[in-house]
Amino acid sequence: MNLTNELAKERNRAAAEHTSPVGTYPPNGYGLRDMIGNVWEWTDDWYVTHASGIDNPGGCCREASIDPTSKHGSLPRKVVKGGSFPCAPSYCRRYRPAARLAQGIDTSTCHMGFRCLVRS
């Protein structure tokens, strides 16, 4: 029995049912932990499409984040990243930390959160 593979399988089963404690998984090549897959993470960036012509990775402004064709009306959108524990593997496991999605600012679910940063 390969203990590493068994541990990975158990972690994957647990991750599909609930969030995981910080540090459950090993760090990536940059030493960062938990960058994708626990909860969708709110960012401070307003969402704009790449086709909008706005050349600012942080978005632009609240007004530019509104999708006039949306069935939700004039709701501004923020960027969310990362995927979450209830996601289907075919959907979230293809995500990378740079991927971004639009999410209306009024959304609240058990699989959305934010990242805290401690500066030393």
N, C-alpha and C. Protein backbone atom coordinates (compact mmCIF):
# COMPACT_ATOMS: atom_id res chain seq x y z
N MET A 1 0.85 -1.18 0.00
CA MET A 1 0.00 0.00 0.00
C MET A 1 0.89 1.24 0.00
N ASN A 2 0.59 2.19 -0.88
CA ASN A 2 1.32 3.44 -0.94
C ASN A 2 0.61 4.44 -0.04
N LEU A 3 1.22 4.77 1.10
CA LEU A 3 0.60 5.65 2.08
C LEU A 3 0.33 7.04 1.51
N THR A 4 1.21 7.54 0.68
CA THR A 4 1.03 8.87 0.09
C THR A 4 -0.23 8.89 -0.77
N ASN A 5 -0.43 7.88 -1.61
CA ASN A 5 -1.63 7.81 -2.45
C ASN A 5 -2.89 7.66 -1.61
N GLU A 6 -2.84 6.85 -0.56
CA GLU A 6 -4.01 6.66 0.29
C GLU A 6 -4.38 7.96 1.01
N LEU A 7 -3.36 8.69 1.49
CA LEU A 7 -3.61 9.96 2.14
C LEU A 7 -4.22 10.95 1.16
N ALA A 8 -3.72 11.00 -0.05
CA ALA A 8 -4.27 11.90 -1.08
C ALA A 8 -5.72 11.55 -1.38
N LYS A 9 -6.04 10.26 -1.49
CA LYS A 9 -7.42 9.84 -1.76
C LYS A 9 -8.35 10.28 -0.62
N GLU A 10 -7.90 10.10 0.62
CA GLU A 10 -8.72 10.49 1.77
C GLU A 10 -8.94 12.00 1.79
N ARG A 11 -7.91 12.77 1.51
CA ARG A 11 -8.05 14.22 1.46
C ARG A 11 -9.03 14.64 0.37
N ASN A 12 -8.97 13.98 -0.78
CA ASN A 12 -9.90 14.31 -1.87
C ASN A 12 -11.33 13.99 -1.47
N ARG A 13 -11.56 12.87 -0.78
CA ARG A 13 -12.91 12.53 -0.32
C ARG A 13 -13.41 13.59 0.65
N ALA A 14 -12.57 13.99 1.60
CA ALA A 14 -12.96 14.99 2.60
C ALA A 14 -13.22 16.34 1.95
N ALA A 15 -12.40 16.71 0.99
CA ALA A 15 -12.54 18.01 0.34
C ALA A 15 -13.86 18.12 -0.41
N ALA A 16 -14.42 17.02 -0.87
CA ALA A 16 -15.67 17.05 -1.60
C ALA A 16 -16.87 17.28 -0.69
N GLU A 17 -16.68 17.13 0.62
CA GLU A 17 -17.79 17.22 1.56
C GLU A 17 -17.81 18.51 2.38
N HIS A 18 -16.68 19.14 2.59
CA HIS A 18 -16.62 20.33 3.43
C HIS A 18 -15.29 21.05 3.20
N THR A 19 -15.18 22.23 3.78
CA THR A 19 -13.93 22.97 3.65
C THR A 19 -12.83 22.24 4.42
N SER A 20 -11.60 22.56 4.09
CA SER A 20 -10.44 21.94 4.75
C SER A 20 -9.70 22.98 5.56
N PRO A 21 -9.12 22.58 6.70
CA PRO A 21 -8.35 23.54 7.50
C PRO A 21 -7.16 24.09 6.71
N VAL A 22 -6.79 25.31 7.01
CA VAL A 22 -5.63 25.92 6.37
C VAL A 22 -4.41 25.03 6.58
N GLY A 23 -3.64 24.84 5.52
CA GLY A 23 -2.43 24.04 5.60
C GLY A 23 -2.64 22.55 5.43
N THR A 24 -3.84 22.12 5.06
CA THR A 24 -4.11 20.70 4.85
C THR A 24 -3.26 20.14 3.73
N TYR A 25 -3.06 20.93 2.70
CA TYR A 25 -2.34 20.47 1.53
C TYR A 25 -0.95 21.09 1.48
N PRO A 26 0.00 20.44 0.84
CA PRO A 26 1.37 20.97 0.81
C PRO A 26 1.45 22.26 -0.01
N PRO A 27 2.47 23.09 0.25
CA PRO A 27 2.61 24.34 -0.49
C PRO A 27 2.98 24.09 -1.95
N ASN A 28 2.69 25.09 -2.79
CA ASN A 28 3.10 25.00 -4.20
C ASN A 28 4.58 25.36 -4.33
N GLY A 29 5.07 25.49 -5.53
CA GLY A 29 6.48 25.77 -5.77
C GLY A 29 6.95 27.12 -5.22
N TYR A 30 6.00 28.01 -4.92
CA TYR A 30 6.35 29.32 -4.36
C TYR A 30 6.20 29.36 -2.85
N GLY A 31 5.83 28.21 -2.27
CA GLY A 31 5.64 28.15 -0.83
C GLY A 31 4.27 28.62 -0.37
N LEU A 32 3.35 28.84 -1.30
CA LEU A 32 2.00 29.31 -0.95
C LEU A 32 1.08 28.12 -0.76
N ARG A 33 0.21 28.22 0.22
CA ARG A 33 -0.72 27.13 0.53
C ARG A 33 -2.16 27.52 0.19
N ASP A 34 -2.95 26.51 -0.13
CA ASP A 34 -4.40 26.67 -0.25
C ASP A 34 -4.81 27.75 -1.25
N MET A 35 -4.16 27.77 -2.39
CA MET A 35 -4.44 28.82 -3.38
C MET A 35 -5.72 28.55 -4.18
N ILE A 36 -6.12 27.31 -4.33
CA ILE A 36 -7.35 27.02 -5.07
C ILE A 36 -8.10 25.86 -4.42
N GLY A 37 -9.42 25.83 -4.58
CA GLY A 37 -10.20 24.66 -4.29
C GLY A 37 -10.93 24.56 -2.97
N ASN A 38 -10.68 25.39 -1.98
CA ASN A 38 -11.39 25.26 -0.72
C ASN A 38 -12.71 26.03 -0.80
N VAL A 39 -12.64 27.32 -1.03
CA VAL A 39 -13.82 28.15 -1.27
C VAL A 39 -13.49 29.13 -2.38
N TRP A 40 -14.51 29.58 -3.11
CA TRP A 40 -14.31 30.67 -4.06
C TRP A 40 -13.89 31.88 -3.24
N GLU A 41 -12.89 32.59 -3.68
CA GLU A 41 -12.38 33.73 -2.91
C GLU A 41 -12.77 35.05 -3.56
N TRP A 42 -13.41 35.90 -2.76
CA TRP A 42 -13.69 37.26 -3.21
C TRP A 42 -12.36 38.00 -3.34
N THR A 43 -12.25 38.86 -4.33
CA THR A 43 -11.09 39.76 -4.42
C THR A 43 -11.61 41.19 -4.35
N ASP A 44 -10.71 42.13 -4.29
CA ASP A 44 -11.08 43.54 -4.24
C ASP A 44 -11.28 44.12 -5.64
N ASP A 45 -11.04 43.32 -6.68
CA ASP A 45 -11.09 43.81 -8.06
C ASP A 45 -12.51 43.80 -8.61
N TRP A 46 -12.87 44.87 -9.31
CA TRP A 46 -14.12 44.89 -10.07
C TRP A 46 -13.91 44.06 -11.32
N TYR A 47 -14.91 43.27 -11.70
CA TYR A 47 -14.79 42.41 -12.87
C TYR A 47 -15.07 43.19 -14.15
N VAL A 48 -14.19 43.07 -15.11
CA VAL A 48 -14.43 43.54 -16.47
C VAL A 48 -13.93 42.45 -17.41
N THR A 49 -14.57 42.31 -18.55
CA THR A 49 -14.13 41.29 -19.50
C THR A 49 -12.86 41.76 -20.19
N HIS A 50 -12.09 40.82 -20.68
CA HIS A 50 -10.88 41.18 -21.42
C HIS A 50 -11.24 41.94 -22.69
N ALA A 51 -12.41 41.67 -23.22
CA ALA A 51 -12.85 42.33 -24.45
C ALA A 51 -13.26 43.79 -24.22
N SER A 52 -13.33 44.22 -22.96
CA SER A 52 -13.77 45.58 -22.66
C SER A 52 -12.75 46.63 -23.08
N GLY A 53 -11.51 46.21 -23.30
CA GLY A 53 -10.47 47.15 -23.70
C GLY A 53 -9.81 47.84 -22.52
N ILE A 54 -10.26 47.57 -21.31
CA ILE A 54 -9.65 48.17 -20.12
C ILE A 54 -8.40 47.37 -19.79
N ASP A 55 -7.26 48.02 -19.83
CA ASP A 55 -5.98 47.34 -19.62
C ASP A 55 -5.52 47.50 -18.18
N ASN A 56 -6.29 46.90 -17.27
CA ASN A 56 -5.99 46.99 -15.85
C ASN A 56 -6.41 45.69 -15.20
N PRO A 57 -5.46 44.87 -14.74
CA PRO A 57 -5.83 43.58 -14.16
C PRO A 57 -6.73 43.72 -12.94
N GLY A 58 -6.72 44.87 -12.30
CA GLY A 58 -7.57 45.10 -11.13
C GLY A 58 -8.95 45.58 -11.51
N GLY A 59 -9.26 45.55 -12.80
CA GLY A 59 -10.55 46.06 -13.24
C GLY A 59 -10.48 47.57 -13.37
N CYS A 60 -11.58 48.17 -13.35
CA CYS A 60 -11.62 49.61 -13.54
C CYS A 60 -12.40 50.25 -12.42
N CYS A 61 -13.65 50.06 -12.51
CA CYS A 61 -14.52 50.74 -11.58
C CYS A 61 -15.85 49.99 -11.47
N ARG A 62 -16.59 50.34 -10.49
CA ARG A 62 -17.88 49.69 -10.22
C ARG A 62 -18.78 49.71 -11.46
N GLU A 63 -18.89 50.85 -12.10
CA GLU A 63 -19.79 51.00 -13.24
C GLU A 63 -19.41 50.07 -14.40
N ALA A 64 -18.11 49.91 -14.66
CA ALA A 64 -17.67 49.06 -15.77
C ALA A 64 -17.89 47.58 -15.49
N SER A 65 -18.11 47.21 -14.23
CA SER A 65 -18.31 45.80 -13.89
C SER A 65 -19.74 45.33 -14.14
N ILE A 66 -20.64 46.24 -14.39
CA ILE A 66 -22.05 45.90 -14.60
C ILE A 66 -22.25 45.36 -16.02
N ASP A 67 -22.92 44.23 -16.11
CA ASP A 67 -23.23 43.62 -17.41
C ASP A 67 -24.64 44.04 -17.80
N PRO A 68 -24.78 44.92 -18.81
CA PRO A 68 -26.11 45.42 -19.17
C PRO A 68 -27.03 44.33 -19.74
N THR A 69 -26.49 43.19 -20.14
CA THR A 69 -27.32 42.11 -20.68
C THR A 69 -27.73 41.10 -19.61
N SER A 70 -27.29 41.31 -18.38
CA SER A 70 -27.56 40.36 -17.30
C SER A 70 -29.02 40.37 -16.88
N LYS A 71 -29.54 39.20 -16.56
CA LYS A 71 -30.91 39.10 -16.04
C LYS A 71 -31.00 39.63 -14.61
N HIS A 72 -29.86 39.92 -13.99
CA HIS A 72 -29.83 40.42 -12.62
C HIS A 72 -29.87 41.94 -12.55
N GLY A 73 -30.03 42.59 -13.68
CA GLY A 73 -30.13 44.05 -13.70
C GLY A 73 -28.78 44.73 -13.57
N SER A 74 -28.77 45.82 -12.88
CA SER A 74 -27.56 46.66 -12.80
C SER A 74 -26.71 46.34 -11.57
N LEU A 75 -26.47 45.06 -11.34
CA LEU A 75 -25.70 44.62 -10.18
C LEU A 75 -24.20 44.63 -10.50
N PRO A 76 -23.40 45.41 -9.76
CA PRO A 76 -21.95 45.38 -9.97
C PRO A 76 -21.38 44.01 -9.63
N ARG A 77 -20.24 43.68 -10.24
CA ARG A 77 -19.62 42.36 -10.05
C ARG A 77 -18.17 42.50 -9.61
N LYS A 78 -17.78 41.63 -8.71
CA LYS A 78 -16.39 41.52 -8.26
C LYS A 78 -15.79 40.26 -8.84
N VAL A 79 -14.46 40.15 -8.80
CA VAL A 79 -13.75 38.96 -9.26
C VAL A 79 -13.71 37.95 -8.13
N VAL A 80 -14.04 36.69 -8.46
CA VAL A 80 -13.82 35.58 -7.54
C VAL A 80 -12.85 34.61 -8.20
N LYS A 81 -12.09 33.91 -7.36
CA LYS A 81 -11.06 32.99 -7.86
C LYS A 81 -11.05 31.72 -7.05
N GLY A 82 -10.56 30.64 -7.64
CA GLY A 82 -10.16 29.47 -6.90
C GLY A 82 -10.96 28.20 -6.94
N GLY A 83 -12.26 28.23 -7.11
CA GLY A 83 -13.03 27.00 -7.02
C GLY A 83 -13.40 26.71 -5.58
N SER A 84 -14.21 25.67 -5.37
CA SER A 84 -14.64 25.38 -4.01
C SER A 84 -14.92 23.89 -3.82
N PHE A 85 -15.10 23.51 -2.56
CA PHE A 85 -15.24 22.09 -2.23
C PHE A 85 -16.43 21.40 -2.89
N PRO A 86 -17.60 22.04 -3.11
CA PRO A 86 -18.67 21.28 -3.75
C PRO A 86 -18.60 21.25 -5.29
N CYS A 87 -17.58 21.88 -5.87
CA CYS A 87 -17.46 21.91 -7.34
C CYS A 87 -17.25 20.52 -7.91
N ALA A 88 -17.83 20.31 -9.07
CA ALA A 88 -17.57 19.07 -9.81
C ALA A 88 -16.12 19.07 -10.27
N PRO A 89 -15.43 17.94 -10.17
CA PRO A 89 -14.02 17.88 -10.61
C PRO A 89 -13.82 18.36 -12.05
N SER A 90 -14.77 18.09 -12.91
CA SER A 90 -14.63 18.51 -14.30
C SER A 90 -14.68 20.03 -14.45
N TYR A 91 -15.19 20.72 -13.45
CA TYR A 91 -15.31 22.17 -13.52
C TYR A 91 -14.16 22.86 -12.77
N CYS A 92 -13.99 22.56 -11.51
CA CYS A 92 -13.04 23.32 -10.69
C CYS A 92 -11.60 22.84 -10.76
N ARG A 93 -11.36 21.59 -11.02
CA ARG A 93 -9.98 21.13 -11.03
C ARG A 93 -9.19 21.65 -12.22
N ARG A 94 -9.88 22.21 -13.20
CA ARG A 94 -9.17 22.80 -14.33
C ARG A 94 -8.71 24.22 -14.01
N TYR A 95 -9.11 24.73 -12.85
CA TYR A 95 -8.77 26.10 -12.51
C TYR A 95 -7.31 26.25 -12.09
N ARG A 96 -6.81 27.41 -12.36
CA ARG A 96 -5.48 27.79 -11.92
C ARG A 96 -5.64 29.09 -11.14
N PRO A 97 -4.69 29.47 -10.30
CA PRO A 97 -4.85 30.68 -9.48
C PRO A 97 -5.12 31.95 -10.28
N ALA A 98 -4.67 32.02 -11.52
CA ALA A 98 -4.89 33.23 -12.31
C ALA A 98 -6.29 33.31 -12.91
N ALA A 99 -7.06 32.22 -12.92
CA ALA A 99 -8.40 32.24 -13.48
C ALA A 99 -9.30 33.15 -12.65
N ARG A 100 -10.26 33.78 -13.32
CA ARG A 100 -11.15 34.71 -12.62
C ARG A 100 -12.56 34.60 -13.17
N LEU A 101 -13.54 34.77 -12.29
CA LEU A 101 -14.95 34.74 -12.67
C LEU A 101 -15.64 35.97 -12.12
N ALA A 102 -16.74 36.35 -12.75
CA ALA A 102 -17.55 37.46 -12.26
C ALA A 102 -18.58 36.94 -11.27
N GLN A 103 -18.80 37.70 -10.20
CA GLN A 103 -19.82 37.33 -9.24
C GLN A 103 -20.48 38.60 -8.72
N GLY A 104 -21.81 38.63 -8.77
CA GLY A 104 -22.54 39.79 -8.25
C GLY A 104 -22.20 40.04 -6.79
N ILE A 105 -22.17 41.31 -6.42
CA ILE A 105 -21.73 41.67 -5.06
C ILE A 105 -22.73 41.31 -3.97
N ASP A 106 -23.91 40.84 -4.35
CA ASP A 106 -24.91 40.48 -3.34
C ASP A 106 -24.90 38.98 -3.01
N THR A 107 -23.94 38.23 -3.54
CA THR A 107 -23.92 36.78 -3.37
C THR A 107 -23.33 36.36 -2.03
N SER A 108 -23.99 35.40 -1.40
CA SER A 108 -23.48 34.83 -0.16
C SER A 108 -23.82 33.35 -0.15
N THR A 109 -22.80 32.49 -0.04
CA THR A 109 -23.03 31.05 0.03
C THR A 109 -22.01 30.45 0.98
N CYS A 110 -22.15 29.16 1.26
CA CYS A 110 -21.23 28.48 2.18
C CYS A 110 -19.88 28.19 1.53
N HIS A 111 -19.76 28.42 0.23
CA HIS A 111 -18.49 28.11 -0.43
C HIS A 111 -17.87 29.36 -1.08
N MET A 112 -18.10 30.52 -0.46
CA MET A 112 -17.45 31.77 -0.87
C MET A 112 -16.81 32.37 0.37
N GLY A 113 -15.62 32.93 0.18
CA GLY A 113 -14.93 33.51 1.32
C GLY A 113 -13.90 34.52 0.87
N PHE A 114 -12.94 34.79 1.71
CA PHE A 114 -11.87 35.72 1.36
C PHE A 114 -10.60 35.28 2.05
N ARG A 115 -9.49 35.75 1.57
CA ARG A 115 -8.17 35.38 2.09
C ARG A 115 -7.68 36.48 3.02
N CYS A 116 -7.20 36.08 4.17
CA CYS A 116 -6.60 37.03 5.13
C CYS A 116 -5.08 37.01 4.93
N LEU A 117 -4.49 38.15 5.10
CA LEU A 117 -3.05 38.27 4.93
C LEU A 117 -2.45 38.83 6.21
N VAL A 118 -1.39 38.21 6.67
CA VAL A 118 -0.68 38.69 7.84
C VAL A 118 0.66 39.22 7.36
N ARG A 119 0.89 40.49 7.58
CA ARG A 119 2.17 41.09 7.20
C ARG A 119 3.10 41.06 8.40
N SER A 120 4.34 40.66 8.15
CA SER A 120 5.29 40.59 9.28
C SER A 120 6.33 41.67 9.15
